Protein backbone atom coordinates (compact mmCIF):
# COMPACT_ATOMS: atom_id res chain seq x y z
CA MET A 1 -3.03 -98.06 0.59
CA SER A 2 -6.79 -97.77 0.31
CA ILE A 3 -8.49 -96.47 -2.80
CA PHE A 4 -9.48 -93.31 -0.90
CA GLU A 5 -5.87 -92.60 0.02
CA ALA A 6 -4.87 -93.17 -3.60
CA ILE A 7 -7.50 -90.66 -4.78
CA LYS A 8 -6.35 -88.02 -2.29
CA ALA A 9 -2.72 -88.65 -3.29
CA LYS A 10 -3.75 -88.39 -6.96
CA GLU A 11 -2.13 -91.74 -7.72
CA TRP A 12 -4.44 -92.54 -10.59
CA GLU A 13 -2.89 -95.82 -11.70
CA LYS A 14 -3.22 -97.11 -8.14
CA VAL A 15 -6.86 -95.99 -8.03
CA ILE A 16 -7.66 -98.00 -11.16
CA GLU A 17 -5.73 -101.01 -9.89
CA LEU A 18 -7.70 -101.03 -6.62
CA ALA A 19 -11.00 -100.35 -8.41
CA LYS A 20 -10.49 -103.39 -10.59
CA GLY A 21 -10.24 -105.42 -7.40
CA GLU A 22 -12.67 -105.31 -4.48
CA GLN A 23 -12.64 -101.57 -3.73
CA ARG A 24 -14.71 -100.30 -6.67
CA ASN A 25 -17.74 -99.67 -4.45
CA ALA A 26 -15.88 -99.34 -1.17
CA GLN A 27 -17.22 -96.83 1.37
CA ASP A 28 -15.28 -94.67 3.80
CA ALA A 29 -16.30 -93.65 7.33
CA SER A 30 -18.81 -91.20 5.84
CA TRP A 31 -20.21 -93.95 3.58
CA ARG A 32 -18.79 -92.20 0.51
CA THR A 33 -17.77 -94.31 -2.45
CA PRO A 34 -14.62 -93.58 -4.46
CA LEU A 35 -16.76 -91.65 -6.94
CA HIS A 36 -18.16 -89.48 -4.13
CA VAL A 37 -14.62 -88.65 -3.05
CA MET A 38 -13.45 -88.01 -6.60
CA ILE A 39 -16.26 -85.50 -7.07
CA THR A 40 -15.65 -83.71 -3.77
CA HIS A 41 -11.91 -83.56 -4.52
CA LYS A 42 -12.68 -82.16 -7.98
CA CYS A 43 -10.79 -84.84 -9.86
CA PRO A 44 -10.51 -84.32 -13.63
CA ALA A 45 -13.51 -85.41 -15.69
CA ASN A 46 -11.41 -87.88 -17.65
CA TRP A 47 -10.53 -89.66 -14.38
CA ILE A 48 -14.18 -89.89 -13.49
CA GLU A 49 -15.14 -91.16 -16.93
CA ALA A 50 -12.44 -93.83 -16.77
CA TYR A 51 -13.81 -94.88 -13.39
CA LEU A 52 -17.36 -94.99 -14.75
CA GLN A 53 -16.18 -97.38 -17.42
CA LEU A 54 -15.55 -99.88 -14.61
CA GLU A 55 -19.33 -99.87 -13.95
CA PRO A 56 -19.43 -98.85 -10.28
CA ASN A 57 -22.71 -98.62 -8.36
CA LEU A 58 -24.03 -95.08 -8.93
CA GLU A 59 -26.91 -95.23 -6.47
CA ILE A 60 -25.05 -95.73 -3.17
CA LYS A 61 -25.79 -92.93 -0.69
CA ASP A 62 -23.36 -91.43 1.79
CA LYS A 63 -24.21 -90.43 5.36
CA LEU A 64 -25.83 -87.25 4.05
CA GLY A 65 -28.13 -89.33 1.88
CA GLU A 66 -26.43 -88.12 -1.29
CA THR A 67 -25.71 -90.23 -4.36
CA VAL A 68 -22.84 -89.33 -6.68
CA LEU A 69 -25.32 -87.41 -8.85
CA SER A 70 -26.55 -85.45 -5.84
CA LYS A 71 -22.94 -84.69 -4.98
CA ALA A 72 -22.12 -83.50 -8.51
CA ILE A 73 -25.17 -81.21 -8.43
CA LYS A 74 -24.18 -79.89 -5.00
CA PHE A 75 -20.72 -79.01 -6.32
CA GLY A 76 -22.16 -77.47 -9.49
CA ASN A 77 -20.21 -79.84 -11.72
CA SER A 78 -22.22 -79.97 -14.93
CA GLU A 79 -19.54 -81.96 -16.77
CA VAL A 80 -19.75 -84.79 -14.23
CA VAL A 81 -23.54 -84.64 -14.29
CA GLU A 82 -23.44 -85.19 -18.05
CA LEU A 83 -21.08 -88.15 -17.61
CA LEU A 84 -23.29 -89.74 -14.97
CA ILE A 85 -26.32 -89.41 -17.24
CA GLN A 86 -24.33 -90.96 -20.08
CA TYR A 87 -23.49 -93.92 -17.85
CA GLY A 88 -27.06 -94.55 -16.79
CA VAL A 89 -27.53 -92.86 -13.43
CA GLN A 90 -31.10 -92.97 -12.09
CA LEU A 91 -33.05 -89.76 -12.74
CA ASN A 92 -36.52 -90.67 -11.46
CA HIS A 93 -37.80 -91.45 -7.98
CA PRO A 94 -40.82 -93.56 -7.04
CA LYS A 95 -42.09 -90.79 -4.74
CA GLY A 96 -42.20 -88.26 -7.54
CA ILE A 97 -40.51 -85.13 -8.86
CA ARG A 98 -39.79 -83.58 -5.45
CA TYR A 99 -37.35 -86.37 -4.64
CA THR A 100 -35.40 -86.29 -7.91
CA PRO A 101 -32.00 -84.84 -8.77
CA TRP A 102 -33.79 -82.44 -11.15
CA TYR A 103 -35.69 -80.97 -8.21
CA GLN A 104 -32.44 -80.65 -6.25
CA ALA A 105 -30.85 -78.84 -9.20
CA ARG A 106 -33.79 -76.59 -10.06
CA TYR A 107 -32.04 -73.35 -9.00
CA ASP A 108 -29.11 -74.17 -11.29
CA LYS A 109 -30.87 -73.99 -14.65
CA LYS A 110 -27.93 -75.28 -16.66
CA ILE A 111 -27.65 -78.47 -14.61
CA ALA A 112 -31.41 -78.92 -14.22
CA ASP A 113 -31.87 -78.78 -17.98
CA LEU A 114 -29.32 -81.56 -18.37
CA LEU A 115 -31.72 -83.67 -16.29
CA ILE A 116 -34.72 -82.88 -18.50
CA GLU A 117 -35.42 -86.57 -19.13
CA THR A 118 -36.61 -86.82 -15.53
CA GLU A 119 -40.29 -87.75 -15.45
CA ASP A 120 -42.49 -84.64 -15.06
CA ALA A 121 -39.52 -82.26 -15.36
CA PHE A 122 -39.67 -79.16 -17.53
CA ARG A 123 -37.14 -76.83 -19.09
CA LEU A 124 -35.96 -73.94 -16.91
CA THR A 125 -33.78 -71.97 -19.32
CA LEU A 126 -35.88 -69.65 -21.46
CA THR A 127 -35.27 -68.65 -25.05
CA LYS A 128 -34.71 -64.95 -25.72
CA GLN A 129 -38.23 -64.72 -27.11
CA GLU A 130 -39.71 -66.35 -24.01
CA GLN A 131 -37.76 -64.09 -21.66
CA SER A 132 -38.87 -61.08 -23.66
CA LEU A 133 -42.49 -62.12 -23.12
CA ILE A 134 -41.93 -62.54 -19.37
CA ASP A 135 -40.30 -59.11 -19.15
CA GLU A 136 -43.20 -57.59 -21.04
CA LEU A 137 -45.66 -59.07 -18.55
CA LEU A 138 -43.65 -58.13 -15.48
CA TYR A 139 -43.36 -54.48 -16.49
CA GLU A 140 -46.89 -54.01 -17.84
CA GLU A 141 -48.54 -51.24 -15.79
CA SER A 142 -52.05 -51.57 -17.17
CA ALA A 143 -54.05 -54.26 -15.37
CA GLU A 144 -56.42 -54.49 -18.31
CA ILE A 145 -53.63 -55.13 -20.80
CA LEU A 146 -51.86 -57.50 -18.43
CA MET A 147 -55.04 -59.53 -18.04
CA ARG A 148 -55.10 -60.09 -21.81
CA LYS A 149 -51.38 -60.84 -22.03
CA LEU A 150 -51.49 -63.45 -19.27
CA GLU A 151 -53.19 -65.66 -21.83
CA TYR A 152 -49.77 -66.09 -23.43
CA LEU A 153 -48.57 -68.02 -20.38
CA ASN A 154 -49.54 -71.38 -21.83
CA SER A 155 -46.69 -73.71 -20.82
CA SER A 156 -45.06 -74.97 -17.64
CA GLU A 157 -41.86 -73.18 -18.64
CA LEU A 158 -43.49 -69.77 -19.04
CA ILE A 159 -45.70 -70.03 -15.96
CA HIS A 160 -42.77 -71.09 -13.78
CA ALA A 161 -40.54 -68.30 -15.08
CA TYR A 162 -43.25 -65.69 -14.47
CA VAL A 163 -43.80 -66.90 -10.91
CA MET A 164 -40.08 -67.00 -10.11
CA GLN A 165 -39.46 -63.50 -11.47
CA PHE A 166 -42.67 -61.97 -10.13
CA ASN A 167 -42.37 -59.01 -7.72
CA TRP A 168 -44.25 -60.33 -4.70
CA ASP A 169 -44.77 -56.81 -3.38
CA ASP A 170 -47.05 -56.10 -6.35
CA ASP A 171 -50.76 -56.89 -6.55
CA LEU A 172 -51.17 -60.66 -6.37
CA TRP A 173 -54.15 -61.05 -8.65
CA PRO A 174 -52.10 -62.31 -11.67
CA LEU A 175 -51.05 -65.32 -9.59
CA GLU A 176 -54.64 -66.01 -8.58
CA TRP A 177 -55.52 -65.78 -12.26
CA LEU A 178 -52.89 -68.42 -13.09
CA LEU A 179 -54.15 -70.81 -10.43
CA HIS A 180 -57.70 -70.39 -11.64
CA ASN A 181 -57.10 -70.44 -15.40
CA ARG A 182 -54.02 -72.61 -15.92
CA THR A 183 -52.73 -75.99 -14.82
CA VAL A 184 -49.83 -74.88 -12.66
CA HIS A 185 -47.09 -77.48 -12.19
CA LEU A 186 -46.71 -78.87 -8.66
CA VAL A 187 -43.14 -77.56 -8.43
CA THR A 188 -44.24 -74.07 -9.43
CA THR A 189 -47.08 -74.15 -6.90
CA MET A 190 -44.62 -75.15 -4.18
CA GLU A 191 -42.40 -72.22 -5.13
CA MET A 192 -45.45 -69.96 -4.85
CA TYR A 193 -46.07 -71.38 -1.37
CA ASP A 194 -42.56 -70.43 -0.25
CA LEU A 195 -42.31 -67.09 -2.06
CA LEU A 196 -45.65 -65.88 -0.67
CA GLY A 197 -44.72 -67.10 2.81
CA VAL A 198 -47.86 -69.16 3.31
CA ASN A 199 -46.72 -70.52 6.68
CA GLU A 200 -46.22 -67.00 8.04
CA ILE A 201 -49.56 -65.83 6.65
CA LEU A 202 -51.43 -68.69 8.32
CA GLU A 203 -49.60 -68.39 11.63
CA ASP A 204 -49.61 -64.60 12.06
CA THR A 205 -53.02 -62.96 11.70
CA ALA A 206 -51.46 -59.49 11.99
CA TYR A 207 -49.37 -60.31 8.92
CA ARG A 208 -52.38 -61.10 6.77
CA SER A 209 -53.91 -59.08 4.00
CA GLU A 210 -57.12 -60.27 2.41
CA GLU A 211 -55.42 -60.65 -0.97
CA ALA A 212 -52.50 -62.66 0.43
CA ASP A 213 -54.85 -64.73 2.54
CA GLN A 214 -56.99 -65.67 -0.45
CA LEU A 215 -53.95 -66.57 -2.54
CA ALA A 216 -52.50 -68.67 0.29
CA LEU A 217 -55.72 -70.67 0.49
CA LYS A 218 -55.77 -71.17 -3.28
CA ILE A 219 -52.17 -72.41 -3.21
CA ILE A 220 -52.99 -74.87 -0.42
CA ASP A 221 -56.04 -76.10 -2.35
CA GLN A 222 -53.88 -76.59 -5.41
CA LEU A 223 -51.28 -78.57 -3.47
CA LEU A 224 -53.87 -80.74 -1.81
CA GLY A 225 -55.45 -81.36 -5.19
CA GLY A 226 -52.04 -82.49 -6.43
CA LYS A 227 -51.78 -84.91 -3.49
CA ILE A 228 -48.56 -83.39 -2.22
CA ARG A 229 -46.40 -85.86 -0.28
């Protein structure tokens, strides 16, 4: 019996026996390690922790290019993510934030915030007070008052939240203001690129409005200035 068969059969004692031998970092036809398979089969967290105590290689990638941390994020398993962090899984990437597990997890705030020790990462879950400020800005009808209140967006967390919750059918000038008056995080700028639909704006002249066109160019300038890779 292979270790993968033992996992699927839920024969835990056999799994440990084989892991203590030569199959700890074995890979199946899809290049998955036993830990990959345990995560995809939703094995109990105590099984996974016991396996981690055997010090398996946590950085092996399967055919999809996913490590065990990537797999845990994909399956939304915050408990396993915490265990992997506890046992020293790699959070950073030499190519930068866009290649990290935090970036992969950024739409799952709970999991992303567990990965906050990632270099250049920022918190995604807002406090009640912070969310109240964002709501106040989003629903402010007076442009004059909004202009003054935008000054309160003075952190990566607040700027990102405002951009992600912004109604992109509204006037776009607050976003231009942010790009001009604040240091907008690379990740937030990339979200602006996608949410505005910069590719469509540049490719379809009939789609353009002067305001959207100007903002698209500012976003591109910002990304080029950040040496996007």
